[in-house]
Amino acid sequence: MDSIAVAIAPPSNQYQKTLWELKLQQEDFQLAYSKAYSQTAKNEVLEATRQHILENIENQLYPYWKGTRWAYSGTTEMPRQGKIACGYFVSTILRDAGFEVERVKLAQQASEKIVKTFADEKDIQRFRHKPIKSFVKSVIGMGDGLYIVGLDTHVGLMLVKNGKAQFIHSAKSLRSGIQAENPLKSKVLKKSKYRIVGKALPDKMLLKWLQGKVVETYL
């Protein structure tokens, strides 16, 4: 399994320093969950964890990755250093958000398997030949949260917040590198005939984050 080692003291690289700080925050959540003795208290920690991960992806991790270039064989682990393919971007940002993922193995799967790794079947919807406006409206209707979006030959993340969606991904069509696009204007979203969308943070996945357990890749 790939992982960026967490140093005892903050490393000099700014991105690794951010990961170090996020790791410390994760440990605080893990401690809070271990001390939550009632189910109500545990549920409160789970929901706080869900919001924490969403905020970190949107406001801590994505800003670093913004502008990083795409390459079909790109596997960089450091933002704006080298290039990165769509699957590797998804697996890397989820790993850096604190999930113990099999980064390479996950990145190399078909998009549907990446979705199924992080979403329960009841939280997955499939769309075939659906107009982009109807598609985006349907996803927003699934509620606020983090989604993994699988396309014919592509995968990315979609953040839905307050009834608005952003499609964050690494693609050849993005001339300026990784971007959070308006999904209604995304070339790859429009072009794909098949789309699978999974809500990515069910309770069982949050428990893996809180307990430091490996997220096994769906095969």
N, C-alpha and C. Protein backbone atom coordinates (compact mmCIF):
# COMPACT_ATOMS: atom_id res chain seq x y z
N MET A 1 0.84 -1.19 0.00
CA MET A 1 0.00 0.00 0.00
C MET A 1 0.87 1.24 0.00
N ASP A 2 0.52 2.25 -0.80
CA ASP A 2 1.26 3.49 -0.83
C ASP A 2 0.78 4.37 0.31
N SER A 3 1.65 5.10 0.91
CA SER A 3 1.24 6.10 1.89
C SER A 3 2.37 7.09 2.07
N ILE A 4 1.98 8.33 2.38
CA ILE A 4 2.98 9.34 2.69
C ILE A 4 3.23 9.25 4.19
N ALA A 5 4.47 9.01 4.59
CA ALA A 5 4.77 8.84 6.00
C ALA A 5 4.48 10.12 6.77
N VAL A 6 3.93 9.97 7.96
CA VAL A 6 3.66 11.12 8.82
C VAL A 6 4.86 11.31 9.73
N ALA A 7 5.46 12.48 9.67
CA ALA A 7 6.65 12.75 10.47
C ALA A 7 6.27 13.10 11.90
N ILE A 8 7.24 12.97 12.82
CA ILE A 8 7.01 13.34 14.21
C ILE A 8 6.91 14.85 14.33
N ALA A 9 7.73 15.55 13.59
CA ALA A 9 7.66 17.01 13.55
C ALA A 9 7.19 17.43 12.17
N PRO A 10 6.59 18.63 12.05
CA PRO A 10 6.09 19.07 10.74
C PRO A 10 7.20 19.11 9.70
N PRO A 11 7.02 18.49 8.55
CA PRO A 11 8.03 18.53 7.49
C PRO A 11 8.07 19.91 6.85
N SER A 12 9.13 20.16 6.09
CA SER A 12 9.30 21.50 5.51
C SER A 12 8.39 21.72 4.31
N ASN A 13 8.11 20.66 3.53
CA ASN A 13 7.23 20.79 2.38
C ASN A 13 5.84 21.19 2.84
N GLN A 14 5.27 22.22 2.23
CA GLN A 14 4.00 22.77 2.72
C GLN A 14 2.85 21.78 2.60
N TYR A 15 2.81 21.02 1.51
CA TYR A 15 1.73 20.05 1.36
C TYR A 15 1.85 18.95 2.40
N GLN A 16 3.04 18.42 2.59
CA GLN A 16 3.24 17.39 3.60
C GLN A 16 2.96 17.94 5.00
N LYS A 17 3.25 19.21 5.21
CA LYS A 17 2.92 19.83 6.50
C LYS A 17 1.41 19.85 6.70
N THR A 18 0.67 20.15 5.64
CA THR A 18 -0.78 20.14 5.73
C THR A 18 -1.29 18.74 6.03
N LEU A 19 -0.72 17.72 5.39
CA LEU A 19 -1.12 16.35 5.66
C LEU A 19 -0.81 15.96 7.11
N TRP A 20 0.29 16.42 7.60
CA TRP A 20 0.67 16.16 8.99
C TRP A 20 -0.36 16.77 9.93
N GLU A 21 -0.78 18.01 9.63
CA GLU A 21 -1.78 18.67 10.47
C GLU A 21 -3.13 17.96 10.39
N LEU A 22 -3.50 17.51 9.19
CA LEU A 22 -4.76 16.78 9.02
C LEU A 22 -4.71 15.45 9.77
N LYS A 23 -3.53 14.83 9.80
CA LYS A 23 -3.39 13.57 10.53
C LYS A 23 -3.60 13.79 12.02
N LEU A 24 -3.09 14.88 12.56
CA LEU A 24 -3.29 15.19 13.97
C LEU A 24 -4.78 15.41 14.26
N GLN A 25 -5.45 16.10 13.35
CA GLN A 25 -6.89 16.31 13.52
C GLN A 25 -7.64 14.99 13.48
N GLN A 26 -7.21 14.10 12.57
CA GLN A 26 -7.85 12.79 12.48
C GLN A 26 -7.70 12.03 13.79
N GLU A 27 -6.54 12.12 14.40
CA GLU A 27 -6.32 11.44 15.67
C GLU A 27 -7.23 11.99 16.75
N ASP A 28 -7.52 13.29 16.71
CA ASP A 28 -8.45 13.88 17.67
C ASP A 28 -9.86 13.29 17.49
N PHE A 29 -10.28 13.12 16.24
CA PHE A 29 -11.59 12.53 15.96
C PHE A 29 -11.61 11.06 16.41
N GLN A 30 -10.52 10.37 16.17
CA GLN A 30 -10.45 8.96 16.57
C GLN A 30 -10.57 8.82 18.08
N LEU A 31 -9.93 9.72 18.81
CA LEU A 31 -10.01 9.71 20.27
C LEU A 31 -11.42 10.03 20.73
N ALA A 32 -12.04 11.03 20.10
CA ALA A 32 -13.40 11.40 20.47
C ALA A 32 -14.37 10.24 20.25
N TYR A 33 -14.18 9.50 19.16
CA TYR A 33 -15.08 8.37 18.89
C TYR A 33 -14.85 7.26 19.91
N SER A 34 -13.61 7.02 20.28
CA SER A 34 -13.31 5.96 21.25
C SER A 34 -13.89 6.27 22.62
N LYS A 35 -14.09 7.56 22.92
CA LYS A 35 -14.64 7.97 24.22
C LYS A 35 -16.15 8.17 24.19
N ALA A 36 -16.76 8.02 23.01
CA ALA A 36 -18.22 8.19 22.89
C ALA A 36 -18.89 6.88 23.27
N TYR A 37 -19.53 6.86 24.44
CA TYR A 37 -20.06 5.60 24.96
C TYR A 37 -21.52 5.35 24.61
N SER A 38 -22.25 6.37 24.22
CA SER A 38 -23.64 6.16 23.80
C SER A 38 -23.72 6.19 22.29
N GLN A 39 -24.74 5.57 21.72
CA GLN A 39 -24.90 5.58 20.27
C GLN A 39 -25.15 6.98 19.75
N THR A 40 -25.86 7.77 20.55
CA THR A 40 -26.11 9.17 20.15
C THR A 40 -24.80 9.93 20.02
N ALA A 41 -23.93 9.74 21.00
CA ALA A 41 -22.62 10.41 20.96
C ALA A 41 -21.79 9.93 19.79
N LYS A 42 -21.82 8.63 19.52
CA LYS A 42 -21.07 8.09 18.39
C LYS A 42 -21.59 8.66 17.08
N ASN A 43 -22.91 8.77 16.95
CA ASN A 43 -23.50 9.32 15.73
C ASN A 43 -23.10 10.78 15.54
N GLU A 44 -22.99 11.51 16.62
CA GLU A 44 -22.56 12.91 16.53
C GLU A 44 -21.13 13.01 16.03
N VAL A 45 -20.27 12.10 16.48
CA VAL A 45 -18.88 12.09 16.01
C VAL A 45 -18.83 11.70 14.54
N LEU A 46 -19.65 10.74 14.13
CA LEU A 46 -19.69 10.32 12.73
C LEU A 46 -20.08 11.49 11.83
N GLU A 47 -21.10 12.22 12.21
CA GLU A 47 -21.54 13.33 11.37
C GLU A 47 -20.50 14.44 11.34
N ALA A 48 -19.87 14.70 12.48
CA ALA A 48 -18.82 15.72 12.52
C ALA A 48 -17.64 15.28 11.65
N THR A 49 -17.35 13.98 11.64
CA THR A 49 -16.28 13.44 10.81
C THR A 49 -16.59 13.63 9.33
N ARG A 50 -17.83 13.34 8.96
CA ARG A 50 -18.24 13.50 7.56
C ARG A 50 -18.04 14.94 7.09
N GLN A 51 -18.46 15.89 7.89
CA GLN A 51 -18.31 17.30 7.52
C GLN A 51 -16.85 17.71 7.51
N HIS A 52 -16.07 17.17 8.41
CA HIS A 52 -14.64 17.47 8.48
C HIS A 52 -13.93 17.01 7.21
N ILE A 53 -14.22 15.81 6.77
CA ILE A 53 -13.59 15.27 5.55
C ILE A 53 -14.00 16.10 4.33
N LEU A 54 -15.27 16.42 4.23
CA LEU A 54 -15.75 17.23 3.12
C LEU A 54 -15.03 18.58 3.07
N GLU A 55 -14.94 19.22 4.22
CA GLU A 55 -14.28 20.52 4.28
C GLU A 55 -12.81 20.42 3.92
N ASN A 56 -12.16 19.36 4.39
CA ASN A 56 -10.73 19.20 4.09
C ASN A 56 -10.48 18.99 2.60
N ILE A 57 -11.32 18.19 1.96
CA ILE A 57 -11.14 17.97 0.52
C ILE A 57 -11.36 19.26 -0.26
N GLU A 58 -12.40 19.99 0.10
CA GLU A 58 -12.73 21.21 -0.63
C GLU A 58 -11.76 22.35 -0.35
N ASN A 59 -11.41 22.55 0.91
CA ASN A 59 -10.68 23.76 1.29
C ASN A 59 -9.22 23.56 1.65
N GLN A 60 -8.80 22.31 1.90
CA GLN A 60 -7.41 22.05 2.25
C GLN A 60 -6.66 21.35 1.12
N LEU A 61 -7.23 20.27 0.60
CA LEU A 61 -6.51 19.45 -0.37
C LEU A 61 -6.68 19.94 -1.81
N TYR A 62 -7.91 20.17 -2.24
CA TYR A 62 -8.12 20.60 -3.63
C TYR A 62 -7.32 21.85 -4.00
N PRO A 63 -7.27 22.89 -3.15
CA PRO A 63 -6.51 24.08 -3.55
C PRO A 63 -5.06 23.78 -3.91
N TYR A 64 -4.45 22.79 -3.25
CA TYR A 64 -3.08 22.41 -3.62
C TYR A 64 -3.04 21.75 -4.99
N TRP A 65 -4.03 20.87 -5.24
CA TRP A 65 -4.02 20.10 -6.49
C TRP A 65 -4.49 20.89 -7.70
N LYS A 66 -5.16 21.99 -7.46
CA LYS A 66 -5.66 22.81 -8.56
C LYS A 66 -4.51 23.21 -9.48
N GLY A 67 -4.68 22.96 -10.76
CA GLY A 67 -3.66 23.32 -11.73
C GLY A 67 -2.67 22.22 -12.06
N THR A 68 -2.70 21.11 -11.31
CA THR A 68 -1.80 19.99 -11.60
C THR A 68 -2.21 19.35 -12.93
N ARG A 69 -1.24 19.10 -13.77
CA ARG A 69 -1.53 18.64 -15.14
C ARG A 69 -1.90 17.15 -15.20
N TRP A 70 -2.73 16.85 -16.20
CA TRP A 70 -3.14 15.48 -16.46
C TRP A 70 -2.13 14.79 -17.38
N ALA A 71 -1.97 13.47 -17.17
CA ALA A 71 -1.29 12.61 -18.13
C ALA A 71 -1.88 11.22 -17.98
N TYR A 72 -2.02 10.52 -19.08
CA TYR A 72 -2.63 9.19 -19.05
C TYR A 72 -1.92 8.26 -18.07
N SER A 73 -0.61 8.38 -18.00
CA SER A 73 0.19 7.53 -17.11
C SER A 73 0.69 8.30 -15.89
N GLY A 74 0.08 9.44 -15.60
CA GLY A 74 0.54 10.26 -14.49
C GLY A 74 0.22 9.67 -13.14
N THR A 75 1.23 9.64 -12.25
CA THR A 75 1.04 9.03 -10.93
C THR A 75 1.61 9.89 -9.79
N THR A 76 1.85 11.16 -10.03
CA THR A 76 2.49 11.98 -9.00
C THR A 76 1.70 11.96 -7.69
N GLU A 77 2.43 12.06 -6.60
CA GLU A 77 1.81 12.13 -5.28
C GLU A 77 1.89 13.53 -4.70
N MET A 78 2.56 14.43 -5.41
CA MET A 78 2.72 15.80 -4.92
C MET A 78 2.06 16.78 -5.88
N PRO A 79 1.19 17.63 -5.39
CA PRO A 79 0.50 18.60 -6.24
C PRO A 79 1.47 19.47 -7.04
N ARG A 80 1.16 19.66 -8.32
CA ARG A 80 1.90 20.54 -9.24
C ARG A 80 3.35 20.10 -9.44
N GLN A 81 3.64 18.89 -9.05
CA GLN A 81 4.95 18.30 -9.35
C GLN A 81 4.69 17.04 -10.15
N GLY A 82 4.97 17.08 -11.43
CA GLY A 82 4.64 15.96 -12.29
C GLY A 82 3.18 16.04 -12.72
N LYS A 83 2.68 14.92 -13.24
CA LYS A 83 1.31 14.88 -13.77
C LYS A 83 0.55 13.71 -13.15
N ILE A 84 -0.79 13.75 -13.33
CA ILE A 84 -1.59 12.73 -12.67
C ILE A 84 -2.81 12.36 -13.50
N ALA A 85 -3.08 11.06 -13.59
CA ALA A 85 -4.26 10.56 -14.30
C ALA A 85 -5.49 10.67 -13.40
N CYS A 86 -6.66 10.52 -14.00
CA CYS A 86 -7.91 10.75 -13.26
C CYS A 86 -8.06 9.80 -12.08
N GLY A 87 -7.80 8.50 -12.29
CA GLY A 87 -7.96 7.53 -11.21
C GLY A 87 -6.97 7.76 -10.08
N TYR A 88 -5.75 8.10 -10.44
CA TYR A 88 -4.74 8.38 -9.42
C TYR A 88 -5.08 9.63 -8.63
N PHE A 89 -5.67 10.62 -9.29
CA PHE A 89 -6.08 11.82 -8.56
C PHE A 89 -7.12 11.47 -7.50
N VAL A 90 -8.13 10.68 -7.88
CA VAL A 90 -9.18 10.31 -6.94
C VAL A 90 -8.61 9.49 -5.78
N SER A 91 -7.80 8.48 -6.08
CA SER A 91 -7.28 7.62 -5.01
C SER A 91 -6.31 8.39 -4.11
N THR A 92 -5.54 9.30 -4.69
CA THR A 92 -4.56 10.05 -3.91
C THR A 92 -5.23 11.05 -2.98
N ILE A 93 -6.23 11.76 -3.47
CA ILE A 93 -6.87 12.77 -2.61
C ILE A 93 -7.67 12.10 -1.50
N LEU A 94 -8.23 10.93 -1.77
CA LEU A 94 -8.94 10.20 -0.72
C LEU A 94 -7.96 9.66 0.32
N ARG A 95 -6.82 9.20 -0.15
CA ARG A 95 -5.78 8.76 0.79
C ARG A 95 -5.31 9.93 1.64
N ASP A 96 -5.07 11.07 1.01
CA ASP A 96 -4.56 12.21 1.74
C ASP A 96 -5.61 12.81 2.68
N ALA A 97 -6.88 12.50 2.42
CA ALA A 97 -7.95 12.92 3.32
C ALA A 97 -8.03 12.02 4.56
N GLY A 98 -7.22 10.97 4.58
CA GLY A 98 -7.12 10.14 5.77
C GLY A 98 -7.58 8.71 5.63
N PHE A 99 -8.01 8.29 4.44
CA PHE A 99 -8.44 6.92 4.24
C PHE A 99 -7.24 6.03 3.90
N GLU A 100 -7.22 4.83 4.49
CA GLU A 100 -6.15 3.86 4.22
C GLU A 100 -6.50 3.08 2.95
N VAL A 101 -6.33 3.74 1.82
CA VAL A 101 -6.69 3.12 0.54
C VAL A 101 -5.48 2.43 -0.09
N GLU A 102 -5.77 1.48 -0.97
CA GLU A 102 -4.74 0.85 -1.78
C GLU A 102 -4.58 1.74 -3.02
N ARG A 103 -3.77 2.77 -2.89
CA ARG A 103 -3.75 3.87 -3.86
C ARG A 103 -3.59 3.41 -5.30
N VAL A 104 -2.58 2.62 -5.58
CA VAL A 104 -2.31 2.19 -6.95
C VAL A 104 -3.40 1.23 -7.45
N LYS A 105 -3.72 0.26 -6.63
CA LYS A 105 -4.73 -0.74 -6.99
C LYS A 105 -6.07 -0.08 -7.28
N LEU A 106 -6.48 0.84 -6.42
CA LEU A 106 -7.75 1.55 -6.60
C LEU A 106 -7.73 2.39 -7.87
N ALA A 107 -6.64 3.11 -8.09
CA ALA A 107 -6.53 4.00 -9.24
C ALA A 107 -6.64 3.27 -10.57
N GLN A 108 -6.24 2.01 -10.59
CA GLN A 108 -6.18 1.25 -11.84
C GLN A 108 -7.48 0.52 -12.16
N GLN A 109 -8.49 0.65 -11.30
CA GLN A 109 -9.76 -0.03 -11.54
C GLN A 109 -10.65 0.76 -12.50
N ALA A 110 -11.62 0.07 -13.09
CA ALA A 110 -12.66 0.75 -13.86
C ALA A 110 -13.41 1.69 -12.93
N SER A 111 -13.94 2.76 -13.50
CA SER A 111 -14.57 3.79 -12.67
C SER A 111 -15.70 3.22 -11.80
N GLU A 112 -16.44 2.25 -12.32
CA GLU A 112 -17.55 1.68 -11.54
C GLU A 112 -17.04 1.00 -10.28
N LYS A 113 -15.88 0.36 -10.35
CA LYS A 113 -15.33 -0.30 -9.18
C LYS A 113 -14.80 0.72 -8.17
N ILE A 114 -14.31 1.84 -8.65
CA ILE A 114 -13.86 2.90 -7.74
C ILE A 114 -15.07 3.44 -6.98
N VAL A 115 -16.17 3.64 -7.69
CA VAL A 115 -17.40 4.10 -7.04
C VAL A 115 -17.85 3.10 -5.99
N LYS A 116 -17.87 1.82 -6.35
CA LYS A 116 -18.36 0.78 -5.44
C LYS A 116 -17.44 0.58 -4.24
N THR A 117 -16.19 0.97 -4.36
CA THR A 117 -15.28 0.87 -3.21
C THR A 117 -15.71 1.81 -2.09
N PHE A 118 -16.22 2.97 -2.46
CA PHE A 118 -16.52 4.00 -1.46
C PHE A 118 -18.00 4.25 -1.22
N ALA A 119 -18.89 3.64 -1.97
CA ALA A 119 -20.32 3.91 -1.82
C ALA A 119 -21.11 2.63 -1.68
N ASP A 120 -22.14 2.66 -0.83
CA ASP A 120 -23.07 1.54 -0.72
C ASP A 120 -23.96 1.49 -1.96
N GLU A 121 -24.40 0.31 -2.33
CA GLU A 121 -25.23 0.17 -3.53
C GLU A 121 -26.49 1.03 -3.44
N LYS A 122 -27.06 1.17 -2.26
CA LYS A 122 -28.28 1.98 -2.10
C LYS A 122 -28.02 3.46 -2.36
N ASP A 123 -26.74 3.87 -2.31
CA ASP A 123 -26.38 5.27 -2.54
C ASP A 123 -25.76 5.48 -3.92
N ILE A 124 -25.97 4.51 -4.82
CA ILE A 124 -25.43 4.60 -6.18
C ILE A 124 -26.57 4.75 -7.17
N GLN A 125 -26.39 5.65 -8.12
CA GLN A 125 -27.35 5.79 -9.22
C GLN A 125 -26.60 5.71 -10.54
N ARG A 126 -27.26 5.12 -11.53
CA ARG A 126 -26.68 4.96 -12.86
C ARG A 126 -27.54 5.69 -13.89
N PHE A 127 -26.87 6.34 -14.82
CA PHE A 127 -27.57 7.15 -15.82
C PHE A 127 -27.04 6.78 -17.21
N ARG A 128 -27.93 6.56 -18.14
CA ARG A 128 -27.54 6.25 -19.52
C ARG A 128 -28.23 7.22 -20.47
N HIS A 129 -27.44 7.89 -21.29
CA HIS A 129 -27.95 8.81 -22.31
C HIS A 129 -28.87 9.88 -21.69
N LYS A 130 -28.53 10.35 -20.51
CA LYS A 130 -29.36 11.35 -19.85
C LYS A 130 -28.78 12.74 -20.12
N PRO A 131 -29.61 13.71 -20.52
CA PRO A 131 -29.12 15.08 -20.76
C PRO A 131 -28.40 15.62 -19.53
N ILE A 132 -27.38 16.41 -19.77
CA ILE A 132 -26.52 16.88 -18.69
C ILE A 132 -27.30 17.65 -17.63
N LYS A 133 -28.27 18.45 -18.03
CA LYS A 133 -29.04 19.22 -17.05
C LYS A 133 -29.84 18.31 -16.13
N SER A 134 -30.44 17.29 -16.71
CA SER A 134 -31.22 16.35 -15.91
C SER A 134 -30.31 15.54 -14.99
N PHE A 135 -29.14 15.19 -15.51
CA PHE A 135 -28.18 14.44 -14.72
C PHE A 135 -27.73 15.23 -13.49
N VAL A 136 -27.31 16.47 -13.70
CA VAL A 136 -26.83 17.30 -12.59
C VAL A 136 -27.95 17.54 -11.58
N LYS A 137 -29.14 17.77 -12.07
CA LYS A 137 -30.28 17.97 -11.16
C LYS A 137 -30.52 16.73 -10.31
N SER A 138 -30.38 15.56 -10.91
CA SER A 138 -30.57 14.31 -10.17
C SER A 138 -29.52 14.12 -9.09
N VAL A 139 -28.28 14.44 -9.41
CA VAL A 139 -27.21 14.29 -8.42
C VAL A 139 -27.41 15.27 -7.26
N ILE A 140 -27.72 16.51 -7.58
CA ILE A 140 -27.98 17.49 -6.53
C ILE A 140 -29.14 17.02 -5.65
N GLY A 141 -30.11 16.37 -6.28
CA GLY A 141 -31.26 15.84 -5.54
C GLY A 141 -30.91 14.72 -4.58
N MET A 142 -29.72 14.14 -4.74
CA MET A 142 -29.26 13.09 -3.82
C MET A 142 -28.77 13.67 -2.50
N GLY A 143 -28.66 14.99 -2.44
CA GLY A 143 -28.28 15.66 -1.20
C GLY A 143 -26.84 16.12 -1.17
N ASP A 144 -26.55 17.00 -0.23
CA ASP A 144 -25.19 17.50 -0.06
C ASP A 144 -24.25 16.35 0.28
N GLY A 145 -23.01 16.47 -0.17
CA GLY A 145 -22.03 15.45 0.18
C GLY A 145 -20.97 15.29 -0.89
N LEU A 146 -20.12 14.29 -0.69
CA LEU A 146 -19.05 13.95 -1.63
C LEU A 146 -19.50 12.77 -2.48
N TYR A 147 -19.34 12.90 -3.79
CA TYR A 147 -19.72 11.83 -4.72
C TYR A 147 -18.52 11.45 -5.57
N ILE A 148 -18.44 10.17 -5.91
CA ILE A 148 -17.49 9.71 -6.93
C ILE A 148 -18.29 9.48 -8.19
N VAL A 149 -17.83 10.07 -9.28
CA VAL A 149 -18.54 10.00 -10.56
C VAL A 149 -17.72 9.20 -11.55
N GLY A 150 -18.29 8.11 -12.03
CA GLY A 150 -17.62 7.29 -13.03
C GLY A 150 -18.26 7.48 -14.39
N LEU A 151 -17.42 7.64 -15.41
CA LEU A 151 -17.90 7.85 -16.77
C LEU A 151 -17.39 6.73 -17.67
N ASP A 152 -17.64 6.83 -18.95
CA ASP A 152 -17.22 5.79 -19.89
C ASP A 152 -15.74 5.47 -19.73
N THR A 153 -14.92 6.50 -19.70
CA THR A 153 -13.47 6.30 -19.61
C THR A 153 -12.83 7.30 -18.64
N HIS A 154 -13.53 7.65 -17.58
CA HIS A 154 -13.05 8.73 -16.71
C HIS A 154 -13.66 8.57 -15.32
N VAL A 155 -13.03 9.21 -14.32
CA VAL A 155 -13.56 9.22 -12.97
C VAL A 155 -13.16 10.54 -12.30
N GLY A 156 -14.03 11.05 -11.45
CA GLY A 156 -13.74 12.29 -10.75
C GLY A 156 -14.58 12.39 -9.49
N LEU A 157 -14.45 13.50 -8.80
CA LEU A 157 -15.20 13.76 -7.58
C LEU A 157 -16.21 14.86 -7.83
N MET A 158 -17.36 14.76 -7.19
CA MET A 158 -18.34 15.83 -7.25
C MET A 158 -18.71 16.22 -5.83
N LEU A 159 -18.60 17.50 -5.53
CA LEU A 159 -19.01 18.04 -4.25
C LEU A 159 -20.33 18.75 -4.43
N VAL A 160 -21.32 18.37 -3.63
CA VAL A 160 -22.62 19.04 -3.65
C VAL A 160 -22.79 19.73 -2.30
N LYS A 161 -23.02 21.04 -2.37
CA LYS A 161 -23.11 21.83 -1.15
C LYS A 161 -24.14 22.93 -1.35
N ASN A 162 -25.12 22.96 -0.48
CA ASN A 162 -26.18 23.98 -0.54
C ASN A 162 -26.85 24.02 -1.91
N GLY A 163 -27.06 22.85 -2.48
CA GLY A 163 -27.78 22.77 -3.75
C GLY A 163 -26.95 23.14 -4.97
N LYS A 164 -25.62 23.24 -4.81
CA LYS A 164 -24.74 23.54 -5.93
C LYS A 164 -23.67 22.47 -6.04
N ALA A 165 -23.26 22.17 -7.27
CA ALA A 165 -22.31 21.08 -7.50
C ALA A 165 -21.03 21.57 -8.15
N GLN A 166 -19.91 20.94 -7.78
CA GLN A 166 -18.62 21.15 -8.42
C GLN A 166 -18.06 19.79 -8.82
N PHE A 167 -17.56 19.71 -10.04
CA PHE A 167 -16.94 18.48 -10.52
C PHE A 167 -15.44 18.68 -10.51
N ILE A 168 -14.74 17.97 -9.62
CA ILE A 168 -13.30 18.13 -9.45
C ILE A 168 -12.60 16.90 -10.04
N HIS A 169 -11.73 17.14 -11.02
CA HIS A 169 -11.13 15.99 -11.71
C HIS A 169 -9.88 16.40 -12.48
N SER A 170 -9.17 15.37 -12.93
CA SER A 170 -7.98 15.56 -13.75
C SER A 170 -8.28 14.99 -15.13
N ALA A 171 -8.22 15.85 -16.15
CA ALA A 171 -8.59 15.41 -17.51
C ALA A 171 -7.77 16.13 -18.56
N LYS A 172 -7.61 15.47 -19.69
CA LYS A 172 -6.89 16.06 -20.82
C LYS A 172 -7.56 17.33 -21.29
N SER A 173 -8.88 17.40 -21.18
CA SER A 173 -9.63 18.56 -21.66
C SER A 173 -9.41 19.81 -20.80
N LEU A 174 -8.85 19.64 -19.61
CA LEU A 174 -8.60 20.78 -18.72
C LEU A 174 -7.22 21.35 -19.03
N ARG A 175 -7.17 22.36 -19.88
CA ARG A 175 -5.89 22.92 -20.35
C ARG A 175 -5.07 23.52 -19.21
N SER A 176 -5.76 24.01 -18.16
CA SER A 176 -5.05 24.64 -17.05
C SER A 176 -4.85 23.68 -15.87
N GLY A 177 -5.06 22.38 -16.11
CA GLY A 177 -4.85 21.40 -15.06
C GLY A 177 -6.11 21.15 -14.24
N ILE A 178 -5.96 20.41 -13.16
CA ILE A 178 -7.10 20.04 -12.32
C ILE A 178 -7.91 21.27 -11.94
N GLN A 179 -9.23 21.13 -12.09
CA GLN A 179 -10.14 22.25 -11.78
C GLN A 179 -11.41 21.72 -11.13
N ALA A 180 -12.09 22.62 -10.41
CA ALA A 180 -13.44 22.34 -9.93
C ALA A 180 -14.38 23.01 -10.93
N GLU A 181 -14.95 22.21 -11.83
CA GLU A 181 -15.77 22.73 -12.91
C GLU A 181 -17.25 22.80 -12.52
N ASN A 182 -17.95 23.71 -13.17
CA ASN A 182 -19.41 23.65 -13.17
C ASN A 182 -19.77 22.41 -13.99
N PRO A 183 -20.42 21.40 -13.39
CA PRO A 183 -20.68 20.16 -14.13
C PRO A 183 -21.51 20.36 -15.39
N LEU A 184 -22.30 21.41 -15.44
CA LEU A 184 -23.11 21.68 -16.63
C LEU A 184 -22.23 22.05 -17.83
N LYS A 185 -21.00 22.48 -17.55
CA LYS A 185 -20.10 22.93 -18.62
C LYS A 185 -18.94 21.96 -18.86
N SER A 186 -18.93 20.86 -18.13
CA SER A 186 -17.81 19.92 -18.24
C SER A 186 -17.91 19.11 -19.53
N LYS A 187 -16.86 19.15 -20.33
CA LYS A 187 -16.84 18.44 -21.61
C LYS A 187 -16.94 16.93 -21.41
N VAL A 188 -16.19 16.40 -20.43
CA VAL A 188 -16.19 14.95 -20.26
C VAL A 188 -17.52 14.45 -19.70
N LEU A 189 -18.15 15.24 -18.85
CA LEU A 189 -19.45 14.85 -18.33
C LEU A 189 -20.51 14.85 -19.43
N LYS A 190 -20.46 15.86 -20.26
CA LYS A 190 -21.42 15.95 -21.36
C LYS A 190 -21.25 14.81 -22.36
N LYS A 191 -20.01 14.48 -22.63
CA LYS A 191 -19.70 13.50 -23.69
C LYS A 191 -20.04 12.07 -23.29
N SER A 192 -19.90 11.74 -22.01
CA SER A 192 -20.05 10.36 -21.58
C SER A 192 -21.49 9.87 -21.72
N LYS A 193 -21.65 8.70 -22.32
CA LYS A 193 -22.99 8.13 -22.51
C LYS A 193 -23.48 7.43 -21.23
N TYR A 194 -22.52 6.97 -20.43
CA TYR A 194 -22.87 6.28 -19.19
C TYR A 194 -22.25 7.03 -18.01
N ARG A 195 -23.03 7.19 -16.95
CA ARG A 195 -22.53 7.85 -15.75
C ARG A 195 -23.01 7.07 -14.53
N ILE A 196 -22.09 6.79 -13.63
CA ILE A 196 -22.44 6.15 -12.37
C ILE A 196 -21.99 7.07 -11.25
N VAL A 197 -22.86 7.29 -10.29
CA VAL A 197 -22.58 8.25 -9.21
C VAL A 197 -22.84 7.58 -7.87
N GLY A 198 -21.87 7.66 -6.97
CA GLY A 198 -22.04 7.08 -5.65
C GLY A 198 -21.72 8.08 -4.56
N LYS A 199 -22.58 8.17 -3.55
CA LYS A 199 -22.33 9.03 -2.40
C LYS A 199 -21.26 8.36 -1.55
N ALA A 200 -20.15 9.05 -1.34
CA ALA A 200 -18.92 8.37 -0.96
C ALA A 200 -18.63 8.22 0.53
N LEU A 201 -19.42 8.79 1.41
CA LEU A 201 -19.07 8.73 2.82
C LEU A 201 -20.16 8.12 3.68
N PRO A 202 -20.53 6.87 3.42
CA PRO A 202 -21.49 6.20 4.31
C PRO A 202 -20.84 5.95 5.66
N ASP A 203 -21.65 5.66 6.66
CA ASP A 203 -21.12 5.46 8.02
C ASP A 203 -20.03 4.41 8.07
N LYS A 204 -20.19 3.31 7.33
CA LYS A 204 -19.19 2.24 7.41
C LYS A 204 -17.82 2.72 6.91
N MET A 205 -17.82 3.67 5.96
CA MET A 205 -16.56 4.21 5.47
C MET A 205 -15.96 5.17 6.49
N LEU A 206 -16.82 5.93 7.17
CA LEU A 206 -16.33 6.83 8.21
C LEU A 206 -15.72 6.04 9.37
N LEU A 207 -16.30 4.88 9.66
CA LEU A 207 -15.76 4.05 10.72
C LEU A 207 -14.36 3.55 10.37
N LYS A 208 -14.13 3.23 9.10
CA LYS A 208 -12.79 2.83 8.68
C LYS A 208 -11.81 3.98 8.90
N TRP A 209 -12.25 5.19 8.60
CA TRP A 209 -11.41 6.39 8.79
C TRP A 209 -11.11 6.59 10.27
N LEU A 210 -12.13 6.39 11.11
CA LEU A 210 -11.98 6.60 12.54
C LEU A 210 -11.19 5.49 13.22
N GLN A 211 -11.22 4.30 12.65
CA GLN A 211 -10.54 3.16 13.25
C GLN A 211 -9.24 2.81 12.55
N GLY A 212 -8.88 3.58 11.52
CA GLY A 212 -7.63 3.34 10.82
C GLY A 212 -7.58 2.04 10.06
N LYS A 213 -8.73 1.58 9.59
CA LYS A 213 -8.80 0.32 8.86
C LYS A 213 -8.63 0.50 7.36
N VAL A 214 -8.08 -0.50 6.71
CA VAL A 214 -7.85 -0.44 5.27
C VAL A 214 -9.17 -0.46 4.52
N VAL A 215 -9.29 0.39 3.52
CA VAL A 215 -10.43 0.37 2.61
C VAL A 215 -10.06 -0.57 1.46
N GLU A 216 -10.65 -1.75 1.48
CA GLU A 216 -10.30 -2.73 0.46
C GLU A 216 -10.94 -2.37 -0.88
N THR A 217 -10.17 -2.43 -1.93
CA THR A 217 -10.63 -2.08 -3.27
C THR A 217 -11.65 -3.09 -3.77
N TYR A 218 -12.76 -2.59 -4.29
CA TYR A 218 -13.80 -3.46 -4.86
C TYR A 218 -13.28 -4.07 -6.15
N LEU A 219 -13.33 -5.39 -6.25
CA LEU A 219 -12.84 -6.08 -7.45
C LEU A 219 -13.95 -6.91 -8.09
